[in-house]
Amino acid sequence: QVQFVASGGGLVSPGSSLRLSCTASITPFRVYAFGWFRQAPGKQRDLVASISSEGATDYVASVKGRFTISRDNAKKTVYLQMNSLQPDDTAVYYCNYGIRTPRTWGQGTQVTVSP
């Protein structure tokens, strides 16, 4: 099965920025939509940002205007630029297929925003 490896998380203060990266050894990488998901303690895992094979993006309302998803097909990498981070953004962040199912989940990367 395909493995998605997310990295770049950390402990930051409110208002800070982080850039998450996700690599996946998928061929052909360019044809798939991808998404970033997050799961906060005690909550469901939710899609927060997605990007289509054509580069169209979508975001959950709570991150719109603050987060930007992008992709580099040559590097087989998906990014999530997170600005103006808030405590409510604290979660484990995962990347995966944006559309294709079933999905399997890696460890994700922890983002903690604490004053």
N, C-alpha and C. Protein backbone atom coordinates (compact mmCIF):
# COMPACT_ATOMS: atom_id res chain seq x y z
N GLN A 1 0.83 -1.19 0.00
CA GLN A 1 0.00 0.00 0.00
C GLN A 1 0.87 1.25 0.00
N VAL A 2 0.30 2.34 -0.47
CA VAL A 2 1.01 3.61 -0.50
C VAL A 2 1.18 4.14 0.92
N GLN A 3 2.36 4.66 1.20
CA GLN A 3 2.63 5.30 2.48
C GLN A 3 2.74 6.80 2.30
N PHE A 4 2.02 7.51 3.13
CA PHE A 4 2.07 8.96 3.17
C PHE A 4 2.86 9.36 4.40
N VAL A 5 3.89 10.15 4.21
CA VAL A 5 4.76 10.56 5.29
C VAL A 5 4.65 12.05 5.48
N ALA A 6 4.06 12.45 6.60
CA ALA A 6 3.88 13.85 6.92
C ALA A 6 4.96 14.31 7.88
N SER A 7 5.43 15.53 7.69
CA SER A 7 6.47 16.08 8.54
C SER A 7 6.32 17.59 8.63
N GLY A 8 7.04 18.18 9.55
CA GLY A 8 7.09 19.63 9.67
C GLY A 8 6.32 20.22 10.84
N GLY A 9 5.65 19.39 11.61
CA GLY A 9 4.92 19.90 12.75
C GLY A 9 5.84 20.34 13.87
N GLY A 10 5.23 20.92 14.89
CA GLY A 10 6.00 21.38 16.02
C GLY A 10 5.15 22.13 17.01
N LEU A 11 5.80 22.66 18.02
CA LEU A 11 5.17 23.46 19.06
C LEU A 11 5.45 24.92 18.77
N VAL A 12 4.38 25.70 18.59
CA VAL A 12 4.52 27.11 18.24
C VAL A 12 3.54 27.94 19.05
N SER A 13 3.77 29.24 19.01
CA SER A 13 2.90 30.19 19.69
C SER A 13 1.81 30.69 18.76
N PRO A 14 0.68 31.14 19.32
CA PRO A 14 -0.36 31.72 18.47
C PRO A 14 0.19 32.82 17.58
N GLY A 15 -0.29 32.83 16.35
CA GLY A 15 0.18 33.78 15.37
C GLY A 15 1.36 33.31 14.55
N SER A 16 1.94 32.19 14.92
CA SER A 16 3.10 31.65 14.21
C SER A 16 2.69 30.93 12.94
N SER A 17 3.70 30.54 12.17
CA SER A 17 3.50 29.81 10.93
C SER A 17 4.29 28.51 10.94
N LEU A 18 3.76 27.54 10.23
CA LEU A 18 4.46 26.29 9.98
C LEU A 18 4.17 25.86 8.55
N ARG A 19 5.10 25.14 7.97
CA ARG A 19 4.86 24.50 6.68
C ARG A 19 5.02 23.01 6.83
N LEU A 20 3.95 22.29 6.57
CA LEU A 20 3.97 20.84 6.61
C LEU A 20 4.27 20.30 5.23
N SER A 21 4.94 19.17 5.20
CA SER A 21 5.24 18.48 3.95
C SER A 21 4.73 17.06 4.01
N CYS A 22 4.35 16.55 2.88
CA CYS A 22 3.88 15.19 2.76
C CYS A 22 4.48 14.58 1.51
N THR A 23 5.13 13.46 1.66
CA THR A 23 5.67 12.74 0.51
C THR A 23 4.96 11.42 0.37
N ALA A 24 4.76 11.02 -0.87
CA ALA A 24 4.10 9.75 -1.17
C ALA A 24 4.68 9.17 -2.44
N SER A 25 5.09 7.93 -2.38
CA SER A 25 5.70 7.27 -3.53
C SER A 25 4.61 6.69 -4.44
N ILE A 26 3.89 7.58 -5.06
CA ILE A 26 2.79 7.23 -5.94
C ILE A 26 3.18 7.54 -7.38
N THR A 27 2.86 6.62 -8.27
CA THR A 27 3.10 6.84 -9.69
C THR A 27 1.85 6.50 -10.48
N PRO A 28 1.32 7.37 -11.34
CA PRO A 28 1.81 8.74 -11.54
C PRO A 28 1.21 9.69 -10.51
N PHE A 29 2.06 10.36 -9.78
CA PHE A 29 1.64 11.23 -8.70
C PHE A 29 0.68 12.31 -9.19
N ARG A 30 0.93 12.83 -10.36
CA ARG A 30 0.22 14.01 -10.85
C ARG A 30 -1.27 13.82 -11.03
N VAL A 31 -1.74 12.58 -11.15
CA VAL A 31 -3.15 12.37 -11.50
C VAL A 31 -4.07 12.34 -10.28
N TYR A 32 -3.52 12.34 -9.09
CA TYR A 32 -4.33 12.18 -7.90
C TYR A 32 -4.59 13.50 -7.20
N ALA A 33 -5.77 13.57 -6.59
CA ALA A 33 -6.06 14.63 -5.64
C ALA A 33 -5.56 14.22 -4.26
N PHE A 34 -5.12 15.19 -3.50
CA PHE A 34 -4.60 14.93 -2.16
C PHE A 34 -5.24 15.88 -1.16
N GLY A 35 -5.20 15.46 0.09
CA GLY A 35 -5.77 16.29 1.13
C GLY A 35 -4.95 16.24 2.40
N TRP A 36 -5.10 17.29 3.18
CA TRP A 36 -4.59 17.33 4.53
C TRP A 36 -5.76 17.17 5.49
N PHE A 37 -5.58 16.30 6.44
CA PHE A 37 -6.58 16.01 7.45
C PHE A 37 -6.00 16.32 8.82
N ARG A 38 -6.85 16.55 9.78
CA ARG A 38 -6.35 16.74 11.14
C ARG A 38 -7.31 16.12 12.14
N GLN A 39 -6.74 15.70 13.24
CA GLN A 39 -7.51 15.11 14.31
C GLN A 39 -7.04 15.71 15.63
N ALA A 40 -7.92 16.46 16.26
CA ALA A 40 -7.64 17.02 17.57
C ALA A 40 -8.02 16.02 18.64
N PRO A 41 -7.48 16.17 19.84
CA PRO A 41 -7.80 15.22 20.91
C PRO A 41 -9.30 15.12 21.14
N GLY A 42 -9.80 13.89 21.16
CA GLY A 42 -11.21 13.66 21.42
C GLY A 42 -12.14 13.98 20.28
N LYS A 43 -11.61 14.28 19.10
CA LYS A 43 -12.43 14.67 17.98
C LYS A 43 -12.20 13.76 16.78
N GLN A 44 -13.07 13.86 15.81
CA GLN A 44 -12.95 13.10 14.58
C GLN A 44 -11.82 13.65 13.72
N ARG A 45 -11.38 12.81 12.80
CA ARG A 45 -10.43 13.26 11.80
C ARG A 45 -11.20 13.92 10.66
N ASP A 46 -10.84 15.14 10.34
CA ASP A 46 -11.56 15.92 9.35
C ASP A 46 -10.61 16.41 8.26
N LEU A 47 -11.14 16.50 7.06
CA LEU A 47 -10.42 17.11 5.96
C LEU A 47 -10.38 18.62 6.15
N VAL A 48 -9.20 19.20 6.06
CA VAL A 48 -9.08 20.65 6.21
C VAL A 48 -8.68 21.34 4.93
N ALA A 49 -8.01 20.65 4.03
CA ALA A 49 -7.59 21.25 2.77
C ALA A 49 -7.41 20.16 1.73
N SER A 50 -7.73 20.45 0.50
CA SER A 50 -7.54 19.49 -0.58
C SER A 50 -7.05 20.20 -1.82
N ILE A 51 -6.41 19.44 -2.68
CA ILE A 51 -5.93 19.97 -3.95
C ILE A 51 -6.14 18.91 -5.01
N SER A 52 -6.72 19.32 -6.11
CA SER A 52 -7.02 18.40 -7.20
C SER A 52 -5.81 18.18 -8.08
N SER A 53 -5.94 17.25 -9.01
CA SER A 53 -4.87 17.00 -9.96
C SER A 53 -4.58 18.22 -10.83
N GLU A 54 -5.57 19.08 -10.97
CA GLU A 54 -5.40 20.30 -11.76
C GLU A 54 -4.96 21.49 -10.92
N GLY A 55 -4.83 21.30 -9.62
CA GLY A 55 -4.39 22.37 -8.75
C GLY A 55 -5.49 23.16 -8.09
N ALA A 56 -6.74 22.78 -8.30
CA ALA A 56 -7.84 23.46 -7.62
C ALA A 56 -7.81 23.11 -6.14
N THR A 57 -8.06 24.09 -5.30
CA THR A 57 -7.97 23.91 -3.85
C THR A 57 -9.29 24.16 -3.17
N ASP A 58 -9.44 23.56 -2.00
CA ASP A 58 -10.60 23.78 -1.18
C ASP A 58 -10.17 23.68 0.27
N TYR A 59 -10.88 24.41 1.14
CA TYR A 59 -10.51 24.49 2.54
C TYR A 59 -11.75 24.48 3.41
N VAL A 60 -11.59 23.92 4.59
CA VAL A 60 -12.64 24.06 5.57
C VAL A 60 -12.68 25.53 6.02
N ALA A 61 -13.86 25.99 6.38
CA ALA A 61 -14.04 27.42 6.66
C ALA A 61 -13.08 27.94 7.73
N SER A 62 -12.79 27.13 8.72
CA SER A 62 -11.99 27.59 9.84
C SER A 62 -10.53 27.89 9.48
N VAL A 63 -10.06 27.39 8.36
CA VAL A 63 -8.68 27.64 7.96
C VAL A 63 -8.57 28.50 6.71
N LYS A 64 -9.67 28.79 6.07
CA LYS A 64 -9.66 29.56 4.84
C LYS A 64 -9.04 30.93 5.08
N GLY A 65 -8.12 31.29 4.21
CA GLY A 65 -7.41 32.56 4.35
C GLY A 65 -6.15 32.47 5.18
N ARG A 66 -5.98 31.38 5.90
CA ARG A 66 -4.79 31.19 6.73
C ARG A 66 -3.90 30.06 6.22
N PHE A 67 -4.51 29.02 5.68
CA PHE A 67 -3.77 27.85 5.20
C PHE A 67 -3.76 27.84 3.68
N THR A 68 -2.67 27.34 3.13
CA THR A 68 -2.55 27.17 1.69
C THR A 68 -1.99 25.80 1.38
N ILE A 69 -2.71 25.03 0.60
CA ILE A 69 -2.23 23.73 0.16
C ILE A 69 -1.63 23.88 -1.23
N SER A 70 -0.54 23.19 -1.47
CA SER A 70 0.10 23.22 -2.77
C SER A 70 0.74 21.87 -3.04
N ARG A 71 1.19 21.68 -4.26
CA ARG A 71 1.80 20.40 -4.61
C ARG A 71 2.95 20.62 -5.57
N ASP A 72 3.90 19.71 -5.50
CA ASP A 72 5.03 19.68 -6.42
C ASP A 72 5.09 18.26 -6.95
N ASN A 73 4.57 18.07 -8.14
CA ASN A 73 4.48 16.73 -8.69
C ASN A 73 5.85 16.10 -8.95
N ALA A 74 6.82 16.91 -9.33
CA ALA A 74 8.15 16.39 -9.58
C ALA A 74 8.78 15.83 -8.32
N LYS A 75 8.48 16.45 -7.18
CA LYS A 75 9.01 16.00 -5.90
C LYS A 75 8.07 15.03 -5.19
N LYS A 76 6.91 14.76 -5.79
CA LYS A 76 5.90 13.91 -5.17
C LYS A 76 5.62 14.36 -3.75
N THR A 77 5.38 15.64 -3.61
CA THR A 77 5.19 16.26 -2.31
C THR A 77 3.98 17.18 -2.33
N VAL A 78 3.25 17.16 -1.23
CA VAL A 78 2.15 18.08 -0.99
C VAL A 78 2.50 18.89 0.25
N TYR A 79 2.20 20.17 0.20
CA TYR A 79 2.55 21.07 1.28
C TYR A 79 1.30 21.69 1.90
N LEU A 80 1.42 22.07 3.14
CA LEU A 80 0.40 22.86 3.79
C LEU A 80 1.08 24.00 4.53
N GLN A 81 0.95 25.20 3.98
CA GLN A 81 1.45 26.39 4.63
C GLN A 81 0.39 26.89 5.59
N MET A 82 0.74 26.97 6.85
CA MET A 82 -0.20 27.36 7.89
C MET A 82 0.28 28.65 8.51
N ASN A 83 -0.52 29.69 8.38
CA ASN A 83 -0.21 30.99 8.95
C ASN A 83 -1.22 31.35 10.01
N SER A 84 -0.85 32.30 10.84
CA SER A 84 -1.74 32.79 11.90
C SER A 84 -2.33 31.65 12.71
N LEU A 85 -1.48 30.75 13.12
CA LEU A 85 -1.95 29.57 13.84
C LEU A 85 -2.61 29.94 15.15
N GLN A 86 -3.64 29.20 15.47
CA GLN A 86 -4.44 29.40 16.66
C GLN A 86 -4.44 28.13 17.50
N PRO A 87 -4.73 28.25 18.79
CA PRO A 87 -4.80 27.03 19.61
C PRO A 87 -5.76 25.98 19.06
N ASP A 88 -6.84 26.40 18.42
CA ASP A 88 -7.79 25.44 17.86
C ASP A 88 -7.22 24.65 16.69
N ASP A 89 -6.09 25.07 16.17
CA ASP A 89 -5.42 24.31 15.11
C ASP A 89 -4.62 23.14 15.65
N THR A 90 -4.50 23.04 16.95
CA THR A 90 -3.74 21.95 17.56
C THR A 90 -4.36 20.62 17.19
N ALA A 91 -3.56 19.75 16.60
CA ALA A 91 -4.05 18.46 16.13
C ALA A 91 -2.88 17.67 15.56
N VAL A 92 -3.13 16.41 15.31
CA VAL A 92 -2.23 15.63 14.48
C VAL A 92 -2.69 15.81 13.04
N TYR A 93 -1.77 16.19 12.18
CA TYR A 93 -2.07 16.44 10.78
C TYR A 93 -1.59 15.27 9.93
N TYR A 94 -2.46 14.84 9.04
CA TYR A 94 -2.19 13.72 8.16
C TYR A 94 -2.41 14.14 6.71
N CYS A 95 -1.68 13.52 5.82
CA CYS A 95 -1.99 13.68 4.41
C CYS A 95 -2.44 12.34 3.85
N ASN A 96 -3.19 12.40 2.77
CA ASN A 96 -3.70 11.19 2.16
C ASN A 96 -4.30 11.54 0.81
N TYR A 97 -4.81 10.53 0.14
CA TYR A 97 -5.59 10.78 -1.05
C TYR A 97 -6.74 11.72 -0.71
N GLY A 98 -7.02 12.64 -1.62
CA GLY A 98 -8.14 13.52 -1.40
C GLY A 98 -9.47 12.92 -1.77
N ILE A 99 -9.46 11.98 -2.69
CA ILE A 99 -10.69 11.38 -3.19
C ILE A 99 -10.69 9.86 -3.04
N ARG A 100 -9.60 9.24 -3.41
CA ARG A 100 -9.52 7.78 -3.47
C ARG A 100 -9.70 7.14 -2.11
N THR A 101 -10.47 6.07 -2.08
CA THR A 101 -10.68 5.28 -0.87
C THR A 101 -10.56 3.81 -1.20
N PRO A 102 -10.34 2.95 -0.23
CA PRO A 102 -10.12 3.26 1.18
C PRO A 102 -8.75 3.89 1.43
N ARG A 103 -8.68 4.67 2.48
CA ARG A 103 -7.43 5.30 2.87
C ARG A 103 -6.79 4.52 4.01
N THR A 104 -5.48 4.51 4.00
CA THR A 104 -4.72 4.04 5.15
C THR A 104 -3.95 5.22 5.71
N TRP A 105 -3.76 5.19 7.00
CA TRP A 105 -3.23 6.35 7.70
C TRP A 105 -1.86 6.09 8.30
N GLY A 106 -0.98 7.04 8.14
CA GLY A 106 0.32 7.01 8.79
C GLY A 106 0.25 7.62 10.17
N GLN A 107 1.41 8.01 10.68
CA GLN A 107 1.48 8.58 12.01
C GLN A 107 1.08 10.05 12.06
N GLY A 108 1.17 10.72 10.94
CA GLY A 108 0.90 12.14 10.92
C GLY A 108 2.01 12.93 11.59
N THR A 109 1.78 14.22 11.72
CA THR A 109 2.73 15.09 12.38
C THR A 109 1.98 16.01 13.34
N GLN A 110 2.50 16.13 14.54
CA GLN A 110 1.82 16.87 15.59
C GLN A 110 2.06 18.37 15.44
N VAL A 111 0.98 19.11 15.48
CA VAL A 111 1.03 20.57 15.52
C VAL A 111 0.38 21.00 16.83
N THR A 112 1.14 21.71 17.63
CA THR A 112 0.63 22.22 18.89
C THR A 112 0.81 23.73 18.92
N VAL A 113 -0.29 24.43 19.13
CA VAL A 113 -0.28 25.89 19.20
C VAL A 113 -0.69 26.26 20.61
N SER A 114 0.25 26.78 21.36
CA SER A 114 0.01 27.03 22.77
C SER A 114 0.54 28.41 23.16
N PRO A 115 -0.26 29.18 23.90
CA PRO A 115 0.18 30.49 24.36
C PRO A 115 1.22 30.40 25.46
